[in-house]
């Protein structure tokens, strides 16, 4: 969402909170576009005052970055940031 909104909406770190009253139940669900789909800032959210902060990339590259960052605290979106 942060890349699509060109930084207007911020990504957050995922965290799961447990309690000692109820057992925890987890369900994994995955959804994604076609691997060849191009992801990048929505054109209407960029202009001279708000230049793109992220480069366009294929969804397959996003998935590749997820696996490359496994076990690190680095956010995947950082791999697609444009230099300022």
PDB file of N, CA and C in Angstrom:
ATOM      1  N   UNK A   1       0.836  -1.187   0.000  1.00  0.00           N
ATOM      2  CA  UNK A   1       0.000   0.000   0.000  1.00  0.00           C
ATOM      3  C   UNK A   1       0.879   1.249   0.000  1.00  0.00           C
ATOM      4  N   UNK A   2       2.014   1.194   0.690  1.00  0.00           N
ATOM      5  CA  UNK A   2       2.890   2.364   0.738  1.00  0.00           C
ATOM      6  C   UNK A   2       3.454   2.685  -0.638  1.00  0.00           C
ATOM      7  N   UNK A   3       3.836   1.677  -1.391  1.00  0.00           N
ATOM      8  CA  UNK A   3       4.367   1.903  -2.737  1.00  0.00           C
ATOM      9  C   UNK A   3       3.267   2.432  -3.651  1.00  0.00           C
ATOM     10  N   UNK A   4       2.096   1.796  -3.635  1.00  0.00           N
ATOM     11  CA  UNK A   4       0.996   2.229  -4.504  1.00  0.00           C
ATOM     12  C   UNK A   4       0.570   3.663  -4.201  1.00  0.00           C
ATOM     13  N   UNK A   5       0.583   4.052  -2.922  1.00  0.00           N
ATOM     14  CA  UNK A   5       0.149   5.407  -2.537  1.00  0.00           C
ATOM     15  C   UNK A   5       1.290   6.417  -2.605  1.00  0.00           C
ATOM     16  N   UNK A   6       2.463   5.997  -3.077  1.00  0.00           N
ATOM     17  CA  UNK A   6       3.648   6.864  -3.170  1.00  0.00           C
ATOM     18  C   UNK A   6       4.009   7.461  -1.807  1.00  0.00           C
ATOM     19  N   UNK A   7       3.840   6.658  -0.769  1.00  0.00           N
ATOM     20  CA  UNK A   7       4.244   7.073   0.574  1.00  0.00           C
ATOM     21  C   UNK A   7       3.171   7.793   1.376  1.00  0.00           C
ATOM     22  N   UNK A   8       2.003   7.985   0.806  1.00  0.00           N
ATOM     23  CA  UNK A   8       0.935   8.674   1.561  1.00  0.00           C
ATOM     24  C   UNK A   8       0.408   7.810   2.702  1.00  0.00           C
ATOM     25  N   UNK A   9       0.359   6.499   2.501  1.00  0.00           N
ATOM     26  CA  UNK A   9      -0.016   5.559   3.553  1.00  0.00           C
ATOM     27  C   UNK A   9       1.226   4.767   3.916  1.00  0.00           C
ATOM     28  N   UNK A  10       1.557   4.696   5.182  1.00  0.00           N
ATOM     29  CA  UNK A  10       2.784   4.053   5.633  1.00  0.00           C
ATOM     30  C   UNK A  10       2.585   2.576   5.935  1.00  0.00           C
ATOM     31  N   UNK A  11       3.586   1.778   5.614  1.00  0.00           N
ATOM     32  CA  UNK A  11       3.589   0.367   5.984  1.00  0.00           C
ATOM     33  C   UNK A  11       3.909   0.246   7.464  1.00  0.00           C
ATOM     34  N   UNK A  12       3.380  -0.785   8.072  1.00  0.00           N
ATOM     35  CA  UNK A  12       3.668  -1.027   9.490  1.00  0.00           C
ATOM     36  C   UNK A  12       4.304  -2.401   9.630  1.00  0.00           C
ATOM     37  N   UNK A  13       5.047  -2.576  10.693  1.00  0.00           N
ATOM     38  CA  UNK A  13       5.612  -3.890  10.983  1.00  0.00           C
ATOM     39  C   UNK A  13       4.504  -4.779  11.525  1.00  0.00           C
ATOM     40  N   UNK A  14       4.422  -5.993  11.018  1.00  0.00           N
ATOM     41  CA  UNK A  14       3.418  -6.941  11.500  1.00  0.00           C
ATOM     42  C   UNK A  14       3.845  -7.468  12.867  1.00  0.00           C
ATOM     43  N   UNK A  15       2.903  -7.568  13.759  1.00  0.00           N
ATOM     44  CA  UNK A  15       3.188  -8.208  15.028  1.00  0.00           C
ATOM     45  C   UNK A  15       1.933  -8.904  15.499  1.00  0.00           C
ATOM     46  N   UNK A  16       2.115 -10.054  16.095  1.00  0.00           N
ATOM     47  CA  UNK A  16       0.992 -10.816  16.637  1.00  0.00           C
ATOM     48  C   UNK A  16       1.052 -10.711  18.157  1.00  0.00           C
ATOM     49  N   UNK A  17      -0.071 -10.418  18.764  1.00  0.00           N
ATOM     50  CA  UNK A  17      -0.148 -10.296  20.219  1.00  0.00           C
ATOM     51  C   UNK A  17      -0.923 -11.484  20.751  1.00  0.00           C
ATOM     52  N   UNK A  18      -0.371 -12.138  21.744  1.00  0.00           N
ATOM     53  CA  UNK A  18      -1.048 -13.284  22.337  1.00  0.00           C
ATOM     54  C   UNK A  18      -1.527 -12.920  23.736  1.00  0.00           C
ATOM     55  N   UNK A  19      -2.404 -13.729  24.262  1.00  0.00           N
ATOM     56  CA  UNK A  19      -2.836 -13.549  25.645  1.00  0.00           C
ATOM     57  C   UNK A  19      -2.817 -14.908  26.327  1.00  0.00           C
ATOM     58  N   UNK A  20      -2.921 -14.923  27.635  1.00  0.00           N
ATOM     59  CA  UNK A  20      -2.860 -16.195  28.356  1.00  0.00           C
ATOM     60  C   UNK A  20      -4.252 -16.685  28.770  1.00  0.00           C
ATOM     61  N   UNK A  21      -5.305 -16.129  28.155  1.00  0.00           N
ATOM     62  CA  UNK A  21      -6.668 -16.552  28.452  1.00  0.00           C
ATOM     63  C   UNK A  21      -7.181 -17.512  27.376  1.00  0.00           C
ATOM     64  N   UNK A  22      -6.962 -17.186  26.123  1.00  0.00           N
ATOM     65  CA  UNK A  22      -7.460 -17.995  25.009  1.00  0.00           C
ATOM     66  C   UNK A  22      -6.286 -18.544  24.207  1.00  0.00           C
ATOM     67  N   UNK A  23      -6.426 -19.767  23.683  1.00  0.00           N
ATOM     68  CA  UNK A  23      -5.363 -20.288  22.812  1.00  0.00           C
ATOM     69  C   UNK A  23      -5.329 -19.499  21.506  1.00  0.00           C
ATOM     70  N   UNK A  24      -4.157 -19.409  20.932  1.00  0.00           N
ATOM     71  CA  UNK A  24      -3.987 -18.664  19.687  1.00  0.00           C
ATOM     72  C   UNK A  24      -4.309 -19.560  18.500  1.00  0.00           C
ATOM     73  N   UNK A  25      -5.040 -19.024  17.529  1.00  0.00           N
ATOM     74  CA  UNK A  25      -5.315 -19.732  16.291  1.00  0.00           C
ATOM     75  C   UNK A  25      -4.799 -18.862  15.149  1.00  0.00           C
ATOM     76  N   UNK A  26      -4.066 -19.457  14.228  1.00  0.00           N
ATOM     77  CA  UNK A  26      -3.543 -18.726  13.074  1.00  0.00           C
ATOM     78  C   UNK A  26      -4.074 -19.351  11.793  1.00  0.00           C
ATOM     79  N   UNK A  27      -4.380 -18.489  10.834  1.00  0.00           N
ATOM     80  CA  UNK A  27      -4.791 -18.944   9.511  1.00  0.00           C
ATOM     81  C   UNK A  27      -4.002 -18.140   8.488  1.00  0.00           C
ATOM     82  N   UNK A  28      -3.276 -18.826   7.652  1.00  0.00           N
ATOM     83  CA  UNK A  28      -2.504 -18.148   6.610  1.00  0.00           C
ATOM     84  C   UNK A  28      -3.334 -18.068   5.341  1.00  0.00           C
ATOM     85  N   UNK A  29      -3.422 -16.869   4.795  1.00  0.00           N
ATOM     86  CA  UNK A  29      -4.126 -16.662   3.533  1.00  0.00           C
ATOM     87  C   UNK A  29      -3.233 -15.828   2.638  1.00  0.00           C
ATOM     88  N   UNK A  30      -3.162 -16.211   1.385  1.00  0.00           N
ATOM     89  CA  UNK A  30      -2.290 -15.518   0.464  1.00  0.00           C
ATOM     90  C   UNK A  30      -3.070 -15.103  -0.776  1.00  0.00           C
ATOM     91  N   UNK A  31      -2.810 -13.919  -1.243  1.00  0.00           N
ATOM     92  CA  UNK A  31      -3.435 -13.425  -2.458  1.00  0.00           C
ATOM     93  C   UNK A  31      -2.431 -12.511  -3.134  1.00  0.00           C
ATOM     94  N   UNK A  32      -2.338 -12.602  -4.406  1.00  0.00           N
ATOM     95  CA  UNK A  32      -1.423 -11.727  -5.123  1.00  0.00           C
ATOM     96  C   UNK A  32      -1.797 -11.683  -6.590  1.00  0.00           C
ATOM     97  N   UNK A  33      -1.353 -10.653  -7.257  1.00  0.00           N
ATOM     98  CA  UNK A  33      -1.622 -10.552  -8.696  1.00  0.00           C
ATOM     99  C   UNK A  33      -0.751 -11.520  -9.482  1.00  0.00           C
ATOM    100  N   UNK A  34      -0.968 -11.557 -10.768  1.00  0.00           N
ATOM    101  CA  UNK A  34      -0.139 -12.334 -11.678  1.00  0.00           C
ATOM    102  C   UNK A  34       1.318 -11.925 -11.470  1.00  0.00           C
ATOM    103  N   UNK A  35       2.266 -12.863 -11.502  1.00  0.00           N
ATOM    104  CA  UNK A  35       3.678 -12.522 -11.287  1.00  0.00           C
ATOM    105  C   UNK A  35       4.224 -11.446 -12.225  1.00  0.00           C
ATOM    106  N   UNK A  36       3.628 -11.296 -13.420  1.00  0.00           N
ATOM    107  CA  UNK A  36       4.109 -10.302 -14.378  1.00  0.00           C
ATOM    108  C   UNK A  36       3.469  -8.925 -14.191  1.00  0.00           C
ATOM    109  N   UNK A  37       2.541  -8.788 -13.252  1.00  0.00           N
ATOM    110  CA  UNK A  37       1.881  -7.509 -12.997  1.00  0.00           C
ATOM    111  C   UNK A  37       2.897  -6.476 -12.519  1.00  0.00           C
ATOM    112  N   UNK A  38       2.833  -5.277 -13.075  1.00  0.00           N
ATOM    113  CA  UNK A  38       3.736  -4.191 -12.683  1.00  0.00           C
ATOM    114  C   UNK A  38       3.140  -3.462 -11.481  1.00  0.00           C
ATOM    115  N   UNK A  39       3.954  -3.308 -10.440  1.00  0.00           N
ATOM    116  CA  UNK A  39       3.576  -2.611  -9.213  1.00  0.00           C
ATOM    117  C   UNK A  39       4.380  -1.315  -9.155  1.00  0.00           C
ATOM    118  N   UNK A  40       3.763  -0.232  -8.723  1.00  0.00           N
ATOM    119  CA  UNK A  40       4.458   1.046  -8.593  1.00  0.00           C
ATOM    120  C   UNK A  40       3.491   2.109  -8.123  1.00  0.00           C
ATOM    121  N   UNK A  41       3.990   3.317  -7.886  1.00  0.00           N
ATOM    122  CA  UNK A  41       3.113   4.402  -7.456  1.00  0.00           C
ATOM    123  C   UNK A  41       2.003   4.659  -8.479  1.00  0.00           C
ATOM    124  N   UNK A  42       0.794   4.882  -7.990  1.00  0.00           N
ATOM    125  CA  UNK A  42      -0.333   5.200  -8.860  1.00  0.00           C
ATOM    126  C   UNK A  42      -0.045   6.541  -9.524  1.00  0.00           C
ATOM    127  N   UNK A  43      -0.151   6.565 -10.849  1.00  0.00           N
ATOM    128  CA  UNK A  43       0.232   7.749 -11.632  1.00  0.00           C
ATOM    129  C   UNK A  43      -0.447   9.029 -11.130  1.00  0.00           C
ATOM    130  N   UNK A  44      -1.723   8.946 -10.781  1.00  0.00           N
ATOM    131  CA  UNK A  44      -2.461  10.132 -10.343  1.00  0.00           C
ATOM    132  C   UNK A  44      -1.971  10.675  -8.994  1.00  0.00           C
ATOM    133  N   UNK A  45      -1.171   9.921  -8.279  1.00  0.00           N
ATOM    134  CA  UNK A  45      -0.639  10.382  -6.990  1.00  0.00           C
ATOM    135  C   UNK A  45       0.771  10.937  -7.092  1.00  0.00           C
ATOM    136  N   UNK A  46       1.270  11.080  -8.321  1.00  0.00           N
ATOM    137  CA  UNK A  46       2.597  11.657  -8.525  1.00  0.00           C
ATOM    138  C   UNK A  46       2.475  12.889  -9.419  1.00  0.00           C
ATOM    139  N   UNK A  47       3.309  13.877  -9.144  1.00  0.00           N
ATOM    140  CA  UNK A  47       3.395  15.091  -9.963  1.00  0.00           C
ATOM    141  C   UNK A  47       4.714  15.766  -9.616  1.00  0.00           C
ATOM    142  N   UNK A  48       4.926  16.994 -10.081  1.00  0.00           N
ATOM    143  CA  UNK A  48       6.193  17.696  -9.813  1.00  0.00           C
ATOM    144  C   UNK A  48       6.422  17.918  -8.326  1.00  0.00           C
ATOM    145  N   UNK A  49       5.359  18.167  -7.572  1.00  0.00           N
ATOM    146  CA  UNK A  49       5.491  18.377  -6.126  1.00  0.00           C
ATOM    147  C   UNK A  49       5.604  17.064  -5.359  1.00  0.00           C
ATOM    148  N   UNK A  50       5.141  15.975  -5.958  1.00  0.00           N
ATOM    149  CA  UNK A  50       5.168  14.654  -5.342  1.00  0.00           C
ATOM    150  C   UNK A  50       5.754  13.644  -6.327  1.00  0.00           C
ATOM    151  N   UNK A  51       7.067  13.725  -6.579  1.00  0.00           N
ATOM    152  CA  UNK A  51       7.674  12.787  -7.535  1.00  0.00           C
ATOM    153  C   UNK A  51       7.617  11.356  -6.991  1.00  0.00           C
ATOM    154  N   UNK A  52       7.699  10.359  -7.874  1.00  0.00           N
ATOM    155  CA  UNK A  52       7.673   8.966  -7.405  1.00  0.00           C
ATOM    156  C   UNK A  52       8.778   8.698  -6.386  1.00  0.00           C
ATOM    157  N   UNK A  53       8.424   7.998  -5.318  1.00  0.00           N
ATOM    158  CA  UNK A  53       9.392   7.609  -4.288  1.00  0.00           C
ATOM    159  C   UNK A  53       9.855   6.169  -4.485  1.00  0.00           C
ATOM    160  N   UNK A  54       9.144   5.427  -5.345  1.00  0.00           N
ATOM    161  CA  UNK A  54       9.440   4.019  -5.571  1.00  0.00           C
ATOM    162  C   UNK A  54       9.477   3.742  -7.067  1.00  0.00           C
ATOM    163  N   UNK A  55      10.310   2.795  -7.465  1.00  0.00           N
ATOM    164  CA  UNK A  55      10.376   2.407  -8.873  1.00  0.00           C
ATOM    165  C   UNK A  55       9.315   1.352  -9.154  1.00  0.00           C
ATOM    166  N   UNK A  56       8.940   1.232 -10.415  1.00  0.00           N
ATOM    167  CA  UNK A  56       8.023   0.174 -10.822  1.00  0.00           C
ATOM    168  C   UNK A  56       8.769  -1.151 -10.825  1.00  0.00           C
ATOM    169  N   UNK A  57       8.067  -2.235 -10.490  1.00  0.00           N
ATOM    170  CA  UNK A  57       8.671  -3.567 -10.476  1.00  0.00           C
ATOM    171  C   UNK A  57       7.582  -4.612 -10.701  1.00  0.00           C
ATOM    172  N   UNK A  58       8.005  -5.781 -11.130  1.00  0.00           N
ATOM    173  CA  UNK A  58       7.063  -6.885 -11.327  1.00  0.00           C
ATOM    174  C   UNK A  58       6.750  -7.532  -9.972  1.00  0.00           C
ATOM    175  N   UNK A  59       5.532  -8.052  -9.835  1.00  0.00           N
ATOM    176  CA  UNK A  59       5.143  -8.717  -8.592  1.00  0.00           C
ATOM    177  C   UNK A  59       6.077  -9.886  -8.290  1.00  0.00           C
ATOM    178  N   UNK A  60       6.587 -10.564  -9.319  1.00  0.00           N
ATOM    179  CA  UNK A  60       7.524 -11.674  -9.110  1.00  0.00           C
ATOM    180  C   UNK A  60       8.793 -11.186  -8.409  1.00  0.00           C
ATOM    181  N   UNK A  61       9.233  -9.960  -8.705  1.00  0.00           N
ATOM    182  CA  UNK A  61      10.414  -9.392  -8.044  1.00  0.00           C
ATOM    183  C   UNK A  61      10.104  -9.105  -6.575  1.00  0.00           C
ATOM    184  N   UNK A  62       8.889  -8.661  -6.283  1.00  0.00           N
ATOM    185  CA  UNK A  62       8.462  -8.442  -4.905  1.00  0.00           C
ATOM    186  C   UNK A  62       8.543  -9.750  -4.117  1.00  0.00           C
ATOM    187  N   UNK A  63       8.022 -10.836  -4.697  1.00  0.00           N
ATOM    188  CA  UNK A  63       8.084 -12.136  -4.026  1.00  0.00           C
ATOM    189  C   UNK A  63       9.522 -12.576  -3.799  1.00  0.00           C
ATOM    190  N   UNK A  64      10.367 -12.338  -4.783  1.00  0.00           N
ATOM    191  CA  UNK A  64      11.788 -12.677  -4.655  1.00  0.00           C
ATOM    192  C   UNK A  64      12.413 -11.918  -3.482  1.00  0.00           C
ATOM    193  N   UNK A  65      12.084 -10.642  -3.351  1.00  0.00           N
ATOM    194  CA  UNK A  65      12.611  -9.835  -2.243  1.00  0.00           C
ATOM    195  C   UNK A  65      12.109 -10.332  -0.893  1.00  0.00           C
ATOM    196  N   UNK A  66      10.863 -10.788  -0.832  1.00  0.00           N
ATOM    197  CA  UNK A  66      10.337 -11.338   0.430  1.00  0.00           C
ATOM    198  C   UNK A  66      11.212 -12.500   0.884  1.00  0.00           C
ATOM    199  N   UNK A  67      11.518 -13.408  -0.030  1.00  0.00           N
ATOM    200  CA  UNK A  67      12.332 -14.571   0.329  1.00  0.00           C
ATOM    201  C   UNK A  67      13.767 -14.176   0.640  1.00  0.00           C
ATOM    202  N   UNK A  68      14.293 -13.138  -0.006  1.00  0.00           N
ATOM    203  CA  UNK A  68      15.656 -12.662   0.273  1.00  0.00           C
ATOM    204  C   UNK A  68      15.755 -12.017   1.653  1.00  0.00           C
ATOM    205  N   UNK A  69      14.651 -11.433   2.152  1.00  0.00           N
ATOM    206  CA  UNK A  69      14.662 -10.733   3.440  1.00  0.00           C
ATOM    207  C   UNK A  69      14.209 -11.612   4.597  1.00  0.00           C
ATOM    208  N   UNK A  70      13.928 -12.864   4.312  1.00  0.00           N
ATOM    209  CA  UNK A  70      13.428 -13.766   5.355  1.00  0.00           C
ATOM    210  C   UNK A  70      14.383 -13.771   6.550  1.00  0.00           C
ATOM    211  N   UNK A  71      13.842 -13.514   7.726  1.00  0.00           N
ATOM    212  CA  UNK A  71      14.650 -13.507   8.946  1.00  0.00           C
ATOM    213  C   UNK A  71      15.290 -12.175   9.267  1.00  0.00           C
ATOM    214  N   UNK A  72      15.094 -11.152   8.434  1.00  0.00           N
ATOM    215  CA  UNK A  72      15.655  -9.829   8.716  1.00  0.00           C
ATOM    216  C   UNK A  72      14.524  -8.891   9.111  1.00  0.00           C
ATOM    217  N   UNK A  73      14.874  -7.759   9.678  1.00  0.00           N
ATOM    218  CA  UNK A  73      13.871  -6.774  10.061  1.00  0.00           C
ATOM    219  C   UNK A  73      13.706  -5.695   8.989  1.00  0.00           C
ATOM    220  N   UNK A  74      14.462  -5.804   7.905  1.00  0.00           N
ATOM    221  CA  UNK A  74      14.365  -4.819   6.823  1.00  0.00           C
ATOM    222  C   UNK A  74      13.021  -4.962   6.118  1.00  0.00           C
ATOM    223  N   UNK A  75      12.374  -3.854   5.803  1.00  0.00           N
ATOM    224  CA  UNK A  75      11.097  -3.895   5.105  1.00  0.00           C
ATOM    225  C   UNK A  75      11.342  -4.059   3.603  1.00  0.00           C
ATOM    226  N   UNK A  76      10.585  -4.929   2.968  1.00  0.00           N
ATOM    227  CA  UNK A  76      10.770  -5.256   1.552  1.00  0.00           C
ATOM    228  C   UNK A  76      10.639  -4.012   0.676  1.00  0.00           C
ATOM    229  N   UNK A  77       9.738  -3.097   1.019  1.00  0.00           N
ATOM    230  CA  UNK A  77       9.530  -1.896   0.198  1.00  0.00           C
ATOM    231  C   UNK A  77      10.812  -1.096   0.017  1.00  0.00           C
ATOM    232  N   UNK A  78      11.754  -1.206   0.964  1.00  0.00           N
ATOM    233  CA  UNK A  78      13.011  -0.456   0.873  1.00  0.00           C
ATOM    234  C   UNK A  78      13.813  -0.842  -0.358  1.00  0.00           C
ATOM    235  N   UNK A  79      13.643  -2.063  -0.833  1.00  0.00           N
ATOM    236  CA  UNK A  79      14.372  -2.527  -2.021  1.00  0.00           C
ATOM    237  C   UNK A  79      13.932  -1.778  -3.279  1.00  0.00           C
ATOM    238  N   UNK A  80      12.765  -1.139  -3.240  1.00  0.00           N
ATOM    239  CA  UNK A  80      12.215  -0.487  -4.412  1.00  0.00           C
ATOM    240  C   UNK A  80      12.204   1.037  -4.304  1.00  0.00           C
ATOM    241  N   UNK A  81      12.780   1.575  -3.223  1.00  0.00           N
ATOM    242  CA  UNK A  81      12.830   3.041  -3.057  1.00  0.00           C
ATOM    243  C   UNK A  81      13.787   3.662  -4.067  1.00  0.00           C
ATOM    244  N   UNK A  82      13.398   4.794  -4.606  1.00  0.00           N
ATOM    245  CA  UNK A  82      14.262   5.557  -5.510  1.00  0.00           C
ATOM    246  C   UNK A  82      15.195   6.439  -4.686  1.00  0.00           C
ATOM    247  N   UNK A  83      16.417   6.669  -5.163  1.00  0.00           N
ATOM    248  CA  UNK A  83      17.310   7.567  -4.432  1.00  0.00           C
ATOM    249  C   UNK A  83      16.735   8.990  -4.404  1.00  0.00           C
ATOM    250  N   UNK A  84      16.953   9.685  -3.341  1.00  0.00           N
ATOM    251  CA  UNK A  84      16.425  11.051  -3.225  1.00  0.00           C
ATOM    252  C   UNK A  84      17.407  12.065  -3.707  1.00  0.00           C
TER     253      UNK A  84
END
